[in-house]
Amino acid sequence: MEHVQCPSIVDIEASGFGEESYPIEIGIAKDSGERYCALIKPDQGWVYWSGPAETIHGITREMIELRGRPTHQICEELNDFLGETNVFTDALAHDQAWLYKLFSSAKLQPSFHLRAIEFIMSEEQFKIWDDMKSHVAQQLQIVRHRASSDAFLIQQTFIQSKMRLRSH
């Protein structure tokens, strides 16, 4: 069977949705198999907090205040980790806005390019995506809705959906 190209995936958890929200955790599943995950310390002025969002991702404001790392440090780590590559997301509109907010806070530019995973998916993958994602989540026993787990789940769903379609 032919090898499936493994994309690098990013996922971002946030304080909520909308223009006042901000990134609180970023996770990456790199094409090499390496992973990165970091809680983000809120920048001055980042105050909006959504209780329903907290219920979904399970990250409290206190957690990011205590264990979050400064935006500048995270942006430098992301640029070092990813270099000049394409990184894919399944939520481009949200993740792009939060990534922009993160890098603006650090007064840095990302070295990598954020792309929608839909650009590298086939029509057939779209049709089986939701079922495949549920299957892969069960198979990998992913129960936490956190950035690094979600990035890995999306990456594995992409790979397994491609492989299933090639075998049929």
Protein backbone atom coordinates (compact mmCIF):
# COMPACT_ATOMS: atom_id res chain seq x y z
CA MET A 1 0.00 0.00 0.00
CA GLU A 2 1.16 3.50 -0.85
CA HIS A 3 2.37 5.79 1.96
CA VAL A 4 -0.03 8.55 3.11
CA GLN A 5 1.54 11.99 3.47
CA CYS A 6 1.15 13.05 7.10
CA PRO A 7 0.27 16.74 7.56
CA SER A 8 1.30 18.88 10.53
CA ILE A 9 -1.82 19.91 12.46
CA VAL A 10 -2.44 22.74 14.92
CA ASP A 11 -5.34 23.12 17.33
CA ILE A 12 -6.03 26.07 19.60
CA GLU A 13 -8.26 26.22 22.66
CA ALA A 14 -9.56 29.66 23.57
CA SER A 15 -11.24 31.64 26.33
CA GLY A 16 -14.46 31.63 24.30
CA PHE A 17 -15.64 32.67 20.86
CA GLY A 18 -15.91 36.10 19.29
CA GLU A 19 -13.61 39.07 19.00
CA GLU A 20 -12.84 39.36 22.72
CA SER A 21 -11.69 35.74 23.02
CA TYR A 22 -8.02 34.83 23.06
CA PRO A 23 -5.87 31.69 22.83
CA ILE A 24 -5.24 29.79 26.05
CA GLU A 25 -3.63 26.57 24.77
CA ILE A 26 -1.96 25.54 21.54
CA GLY A 27 -1.18 22.00 20.45
CA ILE A 28 0.63 20.67 17.40
CA ALA A 29 1.00 17.20 15.92
CA LYS A 30 3.91 17.56 13.51
CA ASP A 31 4.34 15.54 10.33
CA SER A 32 7.45 13.96 11.90
CA GLY A 33 5.42 12.57 14.80
CA GLU A 34 6.73 15.15 17.28
CA ARG A 35 4.21 17.03 19.40
CA TYR A 36 4.08 20.42 21.08
CA CYS A 37 1.62 21.71 23.66
CA ALA A 38 1.60 24.84 25.81
CA LEU A 39 -0.77 26.75 28.03
CA ILE A 40 -0.72 30.48 27.22
CA LYS A 41 -0.51 33.11 29.93
CA PRO A 42 -3.07 35.82 29.13
CA ASP A 43 -1.63 39.07 27.84
CA GLN A 44 -2.55 42.27 29.62
CA GLY A 45 -6.04 43.20 28.46
CA TRP A 46 -7.08 39.63 27.70
CA VAL A 47 -9.91 39.39 30.21
CA TYR A 48 -12.90 37.79 28.48
CA TRP A 49 -13.76 34.36 29.88
CA SER A 50 -16.56 32.01 28.82
CA GLY A 51 -17.88 29.47 31.31
CA PRO A 52 -19.31 27.23 28.57
CA ALA A 53 -15.93 27.20 26.77
CA GLU A 54 -14.21 26.26 30.04
CA THR A 55 -16.66 23.39 30.47
CA ILE A 56 -15.70 22.06 27.00
CA HIS A 57 -11.90 22.26 27.28
CA GLY A 58 -11.58 21.93 31.05
CA ILE A 59 -8.95 24.65 31.38
CA THR A 60 -9.58 27.21 34.11
CA ARG A 61 -8.49 30.82 34.14
CA GLU A 62 -6.43 29.98 37.24
CA MET A 63 -4.60 27.21 35.35
CA ILE A 64 -3.44 29.54 32.60
CA GLU A 65 -2.51 32.27 35.08
CA LEU A 66 -0.38 29.81 37.08
CA ARG A 67 1.01 27.49 34.41
CA GLY A 68 0.71 29.50 31.21
CA ARG A 69 3.86 30.71 29.50
CA PRO A 70 4.36 34.22 28.08
CA THR A 71 3.19 34.81 24.52
CA HIS A 72 6.67 35.82 23.33
CA GLN A 73 8.19 32.56 24.57
CA ILE A 74 5.46 30.46 22.95
CA CYS A 75 5.75 32.26 19.60
CA GLU A 76 9.52 31.73 19.55
CA GLU A 77 9.02 28.05 20.41
CA LEU A 78 6.40 27.65 17.68
CA ASN A 79 8.66 29.24 15.06
CA ASP A 80 11.58 27.01 16.14
CA PHE A 81 9.39 23.89 16.20
CA LEU A 82 7.62 24.47 12.88
CA GLY A 83 10.10 26.45 10.79
CA GLU A 84 8.88 27.51 7.36
CA THR A 85 6.21 24.86 6.84
CA ASN A 86 2.52 24.58 6.16
CA VAL A 87 0.44 23.69 9.21
CA PHE A 88 -3.19 22.66 8.86
CA THR A 89 -6.28 23.23 10.99
CA ASP A 90 -9.88 22.08 10.84
CA ALA A 91 -11.09 25.49 12.11
CA LEU A 92 -9.23 28.06 10.03
CA ALA A 93 -11.38 31.11 10.84
CA HIS A 94 -11.05 30.68 14.61
CA ASP A 95 -7.48 29.40 14.75
CA GLN A 96 -6.19 32.08 12.38
CA ALA A 97 -7.72 34.85 14.51
CA TRP A 98 -6.29 33.38 17.73
CA LEU A 99 -2.87 32.78 16.16
CA TYR A 100 -2.84 36.40 14.95
CA LYS A 101 -3.73 37.58 18.46
CA LEU A 102 -0.97 35.43 19.96
CA PHE A 103 1.75 36.63 17.57
CA SER A 104 0.55 40.26 17.73
CA SER A 105 0.88 40.14 21.51
CA ALA A 106 4.47 38.89 21.15
CA LYS A 107 5.22 41.42 18.38
CA LEU A 108 6.49 38.57 16.20
CA GLN A 109 5.54 37.00 12.87
CA PRO A 110 4.94 33.27 12.43
CA SER A 111 7.55 31.49 10.30
CA PHE A 112 4.92 28.92 9.28
CA HIS A 113 1.77 29.18 7.18
CA LEU A 114 -1.65 28.21 8.54
CA ARG A 115 -3.90 26.43 6.04
CA ALA A 116 -7.34 24.83 6.11
CA ILE A 117 -7.15 21.04 6.15
CA GLU A 118 -9.99 21.03 3.61
CA PHE A 119 -7.45 22.08 0.95
CA ILE A 120 -5.69 18.72 1.20
CA MET A 121 -8.80 16.56 1.64
CA SER A 122 -10.62 14.75 -1.11
CA GLU A 123 -14.38 14.88 -1.59
CA GLU A 124 -14.55 11.27 -0.45
CA GLN A 125 -12.73 12.15 2.81
CA PHE A 126 -15.36 14.81 3.57
CA LYS A 127 -18.07 12.17 3.27
CA ILE A 128 -16.51 9.83 5.84
CA TRP A 129 -14.77 12.41 8.06
CA ASP A 130 -17.17 12.60 11.01
CA ASP A 131 -17.62 8.84 11.30
CA MET A 132 -13.89 8.27 10.89
CA LYS A 133 -13.06 10.90 13.52
CA SER A 134 -15.39 9.21 16.03
CA HIS A 135 -13.85 5.83 15.23
CA VAL A 136 -10.28 7.16 15.61
CA ALA A 137 -11.14 8.91 18.90
CA GLN A 138 -12.46 5.60 20.26
CA GLN A 139 -9.49 3.68 18.89
CA LEU A 140 -6.97 6.09 20.45
CA GLN A 141 -9.08 6.45 23.61
CA ILE A 142 -8.97 10.24 23.40
CA VAL A 143 -11.32 11.63 26.02
CA ARG A 144 -9.86 15.07 26.76
CA HIS A 145 -10.84 17.98 24.56
CA ARG A 146 -7.43 19.63 24.68
CA ALA A 147 -5.27 21.18 21.97
CA SER A 148 -2.57 18.51 21.62
CA SER A 149 -5.08 15.63 21.78
CA ASP A 150 -7.31 17.32 19.22
CA ALA A 151 -4.39 18.04 16.86
CA PHE A 152 -3.31 14.39 17.04
CA LEU A 153 -6.90 13.20 16.52
CA ILE A 154 -7.31 15.39 13.42
CA GLN A 155 -3.97 14.20 12.03
CA GLN A 156 -4.80 10.53 12.59
CA THR A 157 -8.30 10.98 11.15
CA PHE A 158 -6.75 12.48 8.01
CA ILE A 159 -4.31 9.57 7.66
CA GLN A 160 -6.81 6.80 8.39
CA SER A 161 -9.50 8.28 6.12
CA LYS A 162 -6.97 8.44 3.25
CA MET A 163 -5.87 4.87 3.91
CA ARG A 164 -9.45 3.58 4.04
CA LEU A 165 -10.28 5.22 0.74
CA ARG A 166 -7.17 3.80 -0.92
CA SER A 167 -8.02 0.29 0.24
CA HIS A 168 -11.52 0.38 -1.31
